[in-house]
C-alpha atoms as a PDB file:
ATOM      1  CA  MET A   1     302.346 115.788 116.108  1.00  0.00           C
ATOM      2  CA  THR A   2     299.537 113.230 116.099  1.00  0.00           C
ATOM      3  CA  ARG A   3     299.968 112.794 119.864  1.00  0.00           C
ATOM      4  CA  VAL A   4     299.475 116.519 120.360  1.00  0.00           C
ATOM      5  CA  LEU A   5     296.309 116.581 118.258  1.00  0.00           C
ATOM      6  CA  GLU A   6     294.644 113.659 120.031  1.00  0.00           C
ATOM      7  CA  SER A   7     295.958 114.196 123.564  1.00  0.00           C
ATOM      8  CA  GLN A   8     293.148 116.505 124.679  1.00  0.00           C
ATOM      9  CA  LEU A   9     290.217 114.501 123.287  1.00  0.00           C
ATOM     10  CA  PRO A  10     289.740 112.387 126.464  1.00  0.00           C
ATOM     11  CA  ILE A  11     289.623 115.547 128.601  1.00  0.00           C
ATOM     12  CA  LEU A  12     286.966 117.123 126.390  1.00  0.00           C
ATOM     13  CA  VAL A  13     284.837 113.963 126.443  1.00  0.00           C
ATOM     14  CA  VAL A  14     285.037 113.618 130.234  1.00  0.00           C
ATOM     15  CA  LEU A  15     284.276 117.289 130.933  1.00  0.00           C
ATOM     16  CA  LEU A  16     281.329 117.348 128.553  1.00  0.00           C
ATOM     17  CA  GLY A  17     280.000 114.175 130.151  1.00  0.00           C
ATOM     18  CA  LEU A  18     280.401 115.557 133.668  1.00  0.00           C
ATOM     19  CA  GLY A  19     278.700 118.786 132.655  1.00  0.00           C
ATOM     20  CA  THR A  20     275.767 116.816 131.233  1.00  0.00           C
ATOM     21  CA  VAL A  21     275.260 114.698 134.350  1.00  0.00           C
ATOM     22  CA  ALA A  22     275.697 117.622 136.756  1.00  0.00           C
ATOM     23  CA  LYS A  23     273.121 119.795 134.987  1.00  0.00           C
ATOM     24  CA  ILE A  24     270.549 117.002 134.851  1.00  0.00           C
ATOM     25  CA  VAL A  25     271.057 116.241 138.555  1.00  0.00           C
ATOM     26  CA  THR A  26     270.689 119.926 139.416  1.00  0.00           C
ATOM     27  CA  VAL A  27     267.397 120.239 137.528  1.00  0.00           C
ATOM     28  CA  ARG A  28     265.972 116.978 138.890  1.00  0.00           C
ATOM     29  CA  SER A  29     266.956 117.680 142.485  1.00  0.00           C
ATOM     30  CA  GLY A  30     265.252 121.054 142.354  1.00  0.00           C
ATOM     31  CA  GLY A  31     267.390 122.502 145.148  1.00  0.00           C
ATOM     32  CA  GLU A  32     266.249 125.527 147.100  1.00  0.00           C
ATOM     33  CA  PRO A  33     263.718 127.962 145.610  1.00  0.00           C
ATOM     34  CA  GLY A  34     265.345 130.263 143.083  1.00  0.00           C
ATOM     35  CA  ALA A  35     268.532 128.182 142.858  1.00  0.00           C
ATOM     36  CA  LEU A  36     268.387 127.993 139.061  1.00  0.00           C
ATOM     37  CA  SER A  37     268.058 131.771 138.852  1.00  0.00           C
ATOM     38  CA  ARG A  38     271.671 132.001 140.056  1.00  0.00           C
ATOM     39  CA  LEU A  39     273.179 129.637 137.473  1.00  0.00           C
ATOM     40  CA  GLY A  40     274.164 130.354 133.889  1.00  0.00           C
ATOM     41  CA  PRO A  41     272.782 130.009 131.270  1.00  0.00           C
ATOM     42  CA  ALA A  42     269.477 129.729 133.165  1.00  0.00           C
ATOM     43  CA  VAL A  43     270.096 133.102 134.804  1.00  0.00           C
ATOM     44  CA  LEU A  44     269.675 134.793 131.429  1.00  0.00           C
ATOM     45  CA  MET A  45     266.258 133.178 130.872  1.00  0.00           C
ATOM     46  CA  PRO A  46     262.742 133.884 132.198  1.00  0.00           C
ATOM     47  CA  GLY A  47     261.732 131.751 135.187  1.00  0.00           C
ATOM     48  CA  ARG A  48     259.742 129.108 133.300  1.00  0.00           C
ATOM     49  CA  LEU A  49     262.584 128.573 130.802  1.00  0.00           C
ATOM     50  CA  GLN A  50     265.426 128.214 133.297  1.00  0.00           C
ATOM     51  CA  ALA A  51     265.194 124.442 133.734  1.00  0.00           C
ATOM     52  CA  PRO A  52     264.686 123.781 129.981  1.00  0.00           C
ATOM     53  CA  ALA A  53     267.717 125.998 129.232  1.00  0.00           C
ATOM     54  CA  LEU A  54     269.953 123.923 131.499  1.00  0.00           C
ATOM     55  CA  LEU A  55     268.579 120.678 130.060  1.00  0.00           C
ATOM     56  CA  LEU A  56     269.121 121.927 126.500  1.00  0.00           C
ATOM     57  CA  CYS A  57     272.713 122.774 127.362  1.00  0.00           C
ATOM     58  CA  ALA A  58     273.114 119.307 128.894  1.00  0.00           C
ATOM     59  CA  ALA A  59     271.705 117.702 125.739  1.00  0.00           C
ATOM     60  CA  VAL A  60     274.149 119.599 123.521  1.00  0.00           C
ATOM     61  CA  GLU A  61     277.044 118.525 125.742  1.00  0.00           C
ATOM     62  CA  ALA A  62     275.881 114.898 125.642  1.00  0.00           C
ATOM     63  CA  VAL A  63     275.703 114.892 121.827  1.00  0.00           C
ATOM     64  CA  LEU A  64     279.143 116.479 121.515  1.00  0.00           C
ATOM     65  CA  ALA A  65     280.667 114.072 124.042  1.00  0.00           C
ATOM     66  CA  ALA A  66     279.258 111.069 122.196  1.00  0.00           C
ATOM     67  CA  GLY A  67     280.415 112.443 118.848  1.00  0.00           C
ATOM     68  CA  LEU A  68     283.953 113.025 120.095  1.00  0.00           C
ATOM     69  CA  ALA A  69     284.166 109.650 121.836  1.00  0.00           C
ATOM     70  CA  LEU A  70     282.811 107.500 119.013  1.00  0.00           C
ATOM     71  CA  GLY A  71     283.636 109.295 115.785  1.00  0.00           C
ATOM     72  CA  THR A  72     285.933 111.663 113.909  1.00  0.00           C
ATOM     73  CA  HIS A  73     283.348 113.704 112.001  1.00  0.00           C
ATOM     74  CA  PRO A  74     284.339 117.393 111.713  1.00  0.00           C
ATOM     75  CA  PHE A  75     280.818 118.424 112.778  1.00  0.00           C
ATOM     76  CA  PHE A  76     281.402 117.270 116.342  1.00  0.00           C
ATOM     77  CA  ARG A  77     284.969 118.596 116.457  1.00  0.00           C
ATOM     78  CA  TRP A  78     284.081 122.077 115.245  1.00  0.00           C
ATOM     79  CA  GLY A  79     280.818 121.966 117.173  1.00  0.00           C
ATOM     80  CA  THR A  80     282.774 121.449 120.395  1.00  0.00           C
ATOM     81  CA  ALA A  81     285.058 124.378 119.604  1.00  0.00           C
ATOM     82  CA  ALA A  82     282.034 126.575 118.852  1.00  0.00           C
ATOM     83  CA  PHE A  83     280.320 125.429 122.064  1.00  0.00           C
ATOM     84  CA  PHE A  84     283.233 126.449 124.276  1.00  0.00           C
ATOM     85  CA  ALA A  85     283.749 129.691 122.369  1.00  0.00           C
ATOM     86  CA  MET A  86     280.071 130.534 122.933  1.00  0.00           C
ATOM     87  CA  SER A  87     280.449 129.542 126.593  1.00  0.00           C
ATOM     88  CA  THR A  88     283.260 132.089 126.928  1.00  0.00           C
ATOM     89  CA  TYR A  89     280.983 134.801 125.563  1.00  0.00           C
ATOM     90  CA  VAL A  90     278.149 133.774 127.902  1.00  0.00           C
ATOM     91  CA  LEU A  91     280.449 133.881 130.932  1.00  0.00           C
ATOM     92  CA  LEU A  92     281.658 137.357 129.981  1.00  0.00           C
ATOM     93  CA  GLU A  93     278.030 138.481 129.719  1.00  0.00           C
ATOM     94  CA  LEU A  94     277.198 136.898 133.077  1.00  0.00           C
ATOM     95  CA  ARG A  95     280.134 138.641 134.717  1.00  0.00           C
ATOM     96  CA  ARG A  96     278.972 141.953 133.264  1.00  0.00           C
ATOM     97  CA  ARG A  97     275.187 141.669 133.717  1.00  0.00           C
ATOM     98  CA  ARG A  98     274.846 139.347 136.741  1.00  0.00           C
ATOM     99  CA  PRO A  99     278.098 139.422 138.731  1.00  0.00           C
ATOM    100  CA  ASP A 100     276.424 137.487 141.557  1.00  0.00           C
ATOM    101  CA  ALA A 101     275.575 134.461 139.371  1.00  0.00           C
ATOM    102  CA  GLY A 102     277.588 131.276 138.925  1.00  0.00           C
ATOM    103  CA  CYS A 103     278.520 129.780 135.574  1.00  0.00           C
ATOM    104  CA  GLY A 104     276.474 126.605 136.122  1.00  0.00           C
ATOM    105  CA  CYS A 105     279.104 124.689 134.132  1.00  0.00           C
ATOM    106  CA  PHE A 106     278.771 121.721 136.481  1.00  0.00           C
ATOM    107  CA  GLY A 107     275.323 122.416 137.846  1.00  0.00           C
ATOM    108  CA  GLU A 108     274.846 123.866 141.304  1.00  0.00           C
ATOM    109  CA  VAL A 109     278.444 123.032 142.232  1.00  0.00           C
ATOM    110  CA  SER A 110     279.383 125.935 139.938  1.00  0.00           C
ATOM    111  CA  SER A 111     277.373 128.479 141.926  1.00  0.00           C
ATOM    112  CA  ALA A 112     280.332 130.717 142.831  1.00  0.00           C
ATOM    113  CA  PRO A 113     280.317 134.045 140.966  1.00  0.00           C
ATOM    114  CA  VAL A 114     281.953 133.923 137.560  1.00  0.00           C
ATOM    115  CA  GLY A 115     285.596 134.931 137.877  1.00  0.00           C
ATOM    116  CA  LEU A 116     288.626 135.143 135.645  1.00  0.00           C
ATOM    117  CA  ARG A 117     289.495 131.492 136.336  1.00  0.00           C
ATOM    118  CA  SER A 118     286.195 130.204 134.939  1.00  0.00           C
ATOM    119  CA  ILE A 119     286.553 132.415 131.866  1.00  0.00           C
ATOM    120  CA  ALA A 120     290.166 131.340 131.356  1.00  0.00           C
ATOM    121  CA  ARG A 121     289.059 127.704 131.580  1.00  0.00           C
ATOM    122  CA  THR A 122     286.593 128.053 128.701  1.00  0.00           C
ATOM    123  CA  VAL A 123     289.279 129.831 126.662  1.00  0.00           C
ATOM    124  CA  VAL A 124     291.662 126.910 127.286  1.00  0.00           C
ATOM    125  CA  LEU A 125     288.929 124.407 126.398  1.00  0.00           C
ATOM    126  CA  THR A 126     288.234 126.299 123.182  1.00  0.00           C
ATOM    127  CA  GLY A 127     291.925 126.025 122.289  1.00  0.00           C
ATOM    128  CA  MET A 128     291.942 122.310 123.137  1.00  0.00           C
ATOM    129  CA  SER A 129     288.896 121.781 120.939  1.00  0.00           C
ATOM    130  CA  VAL A 130     290.487 123.537 117.968  1.00  0.00           C
ATOM    131  CA  VAL A 131     293.695 121.520 118.369  1.00  0.00           C
ATOM    132  CA  SER A 132     291.656 118.295 118.470  1.00  0.00           C
ATOM    133  CA  VAL A 133     289.803 119.008 115.214  1.00  0.00           C
ATOM    134  CA  TRP A 134     292.503 117.311 113.149  1.00  0.00           C
ATOM    135  CA  ALA A 135     293.032 114.305 115.454  1.00  0.00           C
ATOM    136  CA  PRO A 136     292.876 111.156 113.296  1.00  0.00           C
ATOM    137  CA  VAL A 137     291.346 108.926 116.011  1.00  0.00           C
ATOM    138  CA  THR A 138     288.227 108.858 118.144  1.00  0.00           C
ATOM    139  CA  GLY A 139     288.194 110.045 121.723  1.00  0.00           C
ATOM    140  CA  TRP A 140     287.791 106.464 122.901  1.00  0.00           C
ATOM    141  CA  THR A 141     290.934 105.391 121.052  1.00  0.00           C
ATOM    142  CA  ALA A 142     292.850 108.415 122.313  1.00  0.00           C
ATOM    143  CA  ALA A 143     291.889 107.516 125.893  1.00  0.00           C
ATOM    144  CA  THR A 144     293.728 104.192 125.605  1.00  0.00           C
ATOM    145  CA  GLY A 145     297.005 105.932 124.803  1.00  0.00           C
ATOM    146  CA  MET A 146     296.956 108.980 127.068  1.00  0.00           C
ATOM    147  CA  SER A 147     300.284 110.808 127.365  1.00  0.00           C
ATOM    148  CA  TRP A 148     301.915 113.424 129.579  1.00  0.00           C
ATOM    149  CA  LEU A 149     300.210 116.041 127.386  1.00  0.00           C
ATOM    150  CA  THR A 150     296.834 114.809 128.633  1.00  0.00           C
ATOM    151  CA  ALA A 151     298.051 114.972 132.225  1.00  0.00           C
ATOM    152  CA  ALA A 152     299.315 118.516 131.652  1.00  0.00           C
ATOM    153  CA  GLY A 153     295.908 119.542 130.315  1.00  0.00           C
ATOM    154  CA  VAL A 154     294.197 118.052 133.369  1.00  0.00           C
ATOM    155  CA  LEU A 155     296.481 119.996 135.723  1.00  0.00           C
ATOM    156  CA  VAL A 156     295.852 123.282 133.909  1.00  0.00           C
ATOM    157  CA  LEU A 157     292.087 122.823 134.012  1.00  0.00           C
ATOM    158  CA  ALA A 158     292.192 121.773 137.670  1.00  0.00           C
ATOM    159  CA  ALA A 159     294.017 124.992 138.520  1.00  0.00           C
ATOM    160  CA  LEU A 160     291.318 126.961 136.683  1.00  0.00           C
ATOM    161  CA  SER A 161     288.355 125.176 138.314  1.00  0.00           C
ATOM    162  CA  PRO A 162     286.852 126.846 141.411  1.00  0.00           C
ATOM    163  CA  GLU A 163     284.478 123.881 141.676  1.00  0.00           C
ATOM    164  CA  ILE A 164     287.282 121.814 143.210  1.00  0.00           C
ATOM    165  CA  GLU A 165     287.483 124.208 146.155  1.00  0.00           C
ATOM    166  CA  GLU A 166     283.701 124.109 146.538  1.00  0.00           C
ATOM    167  CA  LEU A 167     283.683 120.298 146.538  1.00  0.00           C
ATOM    168  CA  LEU A 168     286.458 120.212 149.147  1.00  0.00           C
ATOM    169  CA  ASP A 169     284.478 122.650 151.296  1.00  0.00           C
ATOM    170  CA  ARG A 170     281.382 120.456 150.996  1.00  0.00           C
ATOM    171  CA  VAL A 171     283.323 117.368 152.003  1.00  0.00           C
ATOM    172  CA  ARG A 172     284.743 119.275 154.968  1.00  0.00           C
ATOM    173  CA  TYR A 173     281.510 120.935 156.085  1.00  0.00           C
ATOM    174  CA  ARG A 174     278.871 118.732 154.396  1.00  0.00           C
ATOM    175  CA  ALA A 175     276.588 121.701 153.782  1.00  0.00           C
ATOM    176  CA  PRO A 176     276.124 124.175 150.909  1.00  0.00           C
ATOM    177  CA  CYS A 177     277.691 127.604 151.254  1.00  0.00           C
ATOM    178  CA  GLU A 178     274.371 129.227 152.192  1.00  0.00           C
ATOM    179  CA  GLN A 179     274.046 126.974 155.263  1.00  0.00           C
ATOM    180  CA  ARG A 180     277.660 127.000 156.446  1.00  0.00           C
ATOM    181  CA  PRO A 181     278.915 129.356 159.153  1.00  0.00           C
ATOM    182  CA  GLY A 182     280.785 132.127 157.385  1.00  0.00           C
ATOM    183  CA  PRO A 183     284.147 133.566 158.405  1.00  0.00           C
ATOM    184  CA  ALA A 184     284.119 136.199 161.119  1.00  0.00           C
ATOM    185  CA  GLU A 185     283.015 139.655 160.047  1.00  0.00           C
ATOM    186  CA  SER A 186     286.490 141.025 160.745  1.00  0.00           C
ATOM    187  CA  ALA A 187     288.069 138.354 158.529  1.00  0.00           C
ATOM    188  CA  THR A 188     285.648 139.113 155.701  1.00  0.00           C
ATOM    189  CA  LEU A 189     286.359 142.832 156.061  1.00  0.00           C
ATOM    190  CA  ALA A 190     290.083 142.051 155.807  1.00  0.00           C
ATOM    191  CA  ARG A 191     289.397 140.166 152.575  1.00  0.00           C
ATOM    192  CA  LEU A 192     287.514 143.161 151.264  1.00  0.00           C
ATOM    193  CA  ARG A 193     290.390 145.526 152.048  1.00  0.00           C
ATOM    194  CA  ALA A 194     292.807 143.260 150.195  1.00  0.00           C
ATOM    195  CA  SER A 195     290.682 143.280 147.034  1.00  0.00           C
ATOM    196  CA  GLY A 196     291.028 145.269 143.834  1.00  0.00           C
ATOM    197  CA  PRO A 197     287.589 146.940 144.015  1.00  0.00           C
ATOM    198  CA  TRP A 198     288.404 148.269 147.500  1.00  0.00           C
ATOM    199  CA  ARG A 199     291.759 149.706 146.394  1.00  0.00           C
ATOM    200  CA  ALA A 200     290.113 151.272 143.355  1.00  0.00           C
ATOM    201  CA  HIS A 201     287.381 153.038 145.345  1.00  0.00           C
ATOM    202  CA  ARG A 202     288.819 153.528 148.847  1.00  0.00           C
ATOM    203  CA  HIS A 203     289.727 157.164 148.149  1.00  0.00           C
ATOM    204  CA  GLU A 204     286.064 157.963 147.449  1.00  0.00           C
ATOM    205  CA  LEU A 205     284.872 156.882 150.915  1.00  0.00           C
ATOM    206  CA  THR A 206     284.495 159.146 153.915  1.00  0.00           C
ATOM    207  CA  SER A 207     285.505 156.381 156.317  1.00  0.00           C
ATOM    208  CA  ALA A 208     287.351 153.074 156.157  1.00  0.00           C
ATOM    209  CA  GLU A 209     284.855 151.543 158.596  1.00  0.00           C
ATOM    210  CA  PRO A 210     281.419 150.425 157.373  1.00  0.00           C
ATOM    211  CA  TYR A 211     278.351 151.942 158.973  1.00  0.00           C
ATOM    212  CA  ASP A 212     276.370 148.728 158.379  1.00  0.00           C
ATOM    213  CA  SER A 213     277.012 145.073 157.602  1.00  0.00           C
ATOM    214  CA  TRP A 214     274.784 142.070 156.932  1.00  0.00           C
ATOM    215  CA  ARG A 215     274.798 138.606 155.380  1.00  0.00           C
ATOM    216  CA  GLU A 216     272.577 137.214 152.617  1.00  0.00           C
ATOM    217  CA  LEU A 217     273.131 133.590 151.553  1.00  0.00           C
ATOM    218  CA  CYS A 218     276.797 133.296 150.476  1.00  0.00           C
ATOM    219  CA  TRP A 219     277.516 137.045 150.544  1.00  0.00           C
ATOM    220  CA  ARG A 220     278.415 139.521 153.263  1.00  0.00           C
ATOM    221  CA  PHE A 221     277.624 143.151 152.514  1.00  0.00           C
ATOM    222  CA  PHE A 222     279.412 146.224 153.877  1.00  0.00           C
ATOM    223  CA  ALA A 223     277.864 149.676 153.510  1.00  0.00           C
ATOM    224  CA  PHE A 224     279.917 152.885 153.381  1.00  0.00           C
ATOM    225  CA  ARG A 225     279.298 156.476 152.299  1.00  0.00           C
ATOM    226  CA  ASN A 226     281.255 158.414 149.727  1.00  0.00           C
ATOM    227  CA  GLN A 227     281.997 162.128 149.623  1.00  0.00           C
ATOM    228  CA  GLN A 228     278.713 162.799 147.790  1.00  0.00           C
ATOM    229  CA  GLN A 229     276.867 161.042 150.649  1.00  0.00           C
ATOM    230  CA  ASP A 230     275.848 158.195 148.363  1.00  0.00           C
ATOM    231  CA  ASP A 231     275.720 154.668 149.764  1.00  0.00           C
ATOM    232  CA  VAL A 232     278.602 152.488 148.559  1.00  0.00           C
ATOM    233  CA  VAL A 233     277.948 148.782 149.139  1.00  0.00           C
ATOM    234  CA  PHE A 234     280.628 146.120 148.807  1.00  0.00           C
ATOM    235  CA  ALA A 235     279.669 142.435 148.630  1.00  0.00           C
ATOM    236  CA  VAL A 236     282.192 139.729 149.535  1.00  0.00           C
ATOM    237  CA  TYR A 237     281.583 136.086 148.611  1.00  0.00           C
ATOM    238  CA  LEU A 238     282.056 133.845 151.645  1.00  0.00           C
ATOM    239  CA  SER A 239     283.625 130.813 149.986  1.00  0.00           C
ATOM    240  CA  GLY A 240     286.945 130.188 148.260  1.00  0.00           C
ATOM    241  CA  ARG A 241     290.520 131.273 148.832  1.00  0.00           C
ATOM    242  CA  ARG A 242     290.140 134.358 146.636  1.00  0.00           C
ATOM    243  CA  PRO A 243     286.502 135.327 147.089  1.00  0.00           C
ATOM    244  CA  ALA A 244     284.740 137.498 144.550  1.00  0.00           C
ATOM    245  CA  VAL A 245     284.128 141.104 145.556  1.00  0.00           C
ATOM    246  CA  ARG A 246     281.459 143.287 143.960  1.00  0.00           C
ATOM    247  CA  MET A 247     280.588 146.949 144.461  1.00  0.00           C
ATOM    248  CA  ALA A 248     277.528 149.102 143.803  1.00  0.00           C
ATOM    249  CA  VAL A 249     276.673 152.757 144.395  1.00  0.00           C
ATOM    250  CA  VAL A 250     273.186 153.826 145.506  1.00  0.00           C
ATOM    251  CA  SER A 251     272.702 157.479 144.670  1.00  0.00           C
ATOM    252  CA  GLY A 252     271.457 159.679 147.480  1.00  0.00           C
ATOM    253  CA  GLU A 253     268.784 161.190 145.254  1.00  0.00           C
ATOM    254  CA  ASP A 254     267.290 157.723 144.853  1.00  0.00           C
ATOM    255  CA  SER A 255     267.219 156.920 148.567  1.00  0.00           C
ATOM    256  CA  GLY A 256     263.565 157.885 148.892  1.00  0.00           C
ATOM    257  CA  SER A 257     262.357 155.567 146.141  1.00  0.00           C
ATOM    258  CA  SER A 258     261.280 152.001 146.757  1.00  0.00           C
ATOM    259  CA  LEU A 259     263.536 150.607 144.048  1.00  0.00           C
ATOM    260  CA  PRO A 260     266.844 152.539 144.009  1.00  0.00           C
ATOM    261  CA  GLU A 261     269.048 152.535 140.965  1.00  0.00           C
ATOM    262  CA  TYR A 262     272.239 150.495 141.386  1.00  0.00           C
ATOM    263  CA  SER A 263     275.361 151.265 139.406  1.00  0.00           C
ATOM    264  CA  PRO A 264     277.321 147.987 139.400  1.00  0.00           C
ATOM    265  CA  VAL A 265     281.066 148.073 139.003  1.00  0.00           C
ATOM    266  CA  SER A 266     282.610 144.827 137.806  1.00  0.00           C
ATOM    267  CA  ALA A 267     285.410 143.390 139.852  1.00  0.00           C
END
């Protein structure tokens, strides 16, 4: 039983440490203008507080990582569980309020829109943290006796981490998603038609062919019209094996205004 309790401590320490370093690098590098406005939790903050929000998150992760690695105090154990539980809530809010934003878990590498995999990962990490509360050893000690349980945890988290696909794409193309050539428009349209949002709303459209299409950064947009002659816009993310798809309806009565009302529908 002791092996089970301590087996996940090394994973938690490493992930918290990686999250700390990645967020600090992202803030210091600056990136392109507005990059932080697409990363959680900065995306939920006003412009001047976006960098401090990421740095504060990095500081919390650093303290928790050090506490888990060097001690057994319940404060750090329960604090880690609370941190990942809060992260799950934040990701759910991001997915609801800003479906275009990334989780920012590992800085700008986590710029892909928040999906079910990222949310499931924080749920798994919350469970790992709770299990580790009663571990009798420090994270450093647990790392010297890692077992197959640790390896199993690593494999589960790897399967739930879209950042791995992004890193592989960067190694292959050596350019961020915004600067890489996207898939052909026909291929992206095929991805759209295989998605859940398309199947849920296809019957509302007057035609299966878009009347307009364009690209912005890592997204390709397809515009259709529904039976009420409203504009229905689908957005397909251009990176990843299972790209995120988002949909919004622009009411016809708002078409004459400069800032139309969008009715987002979560994927």
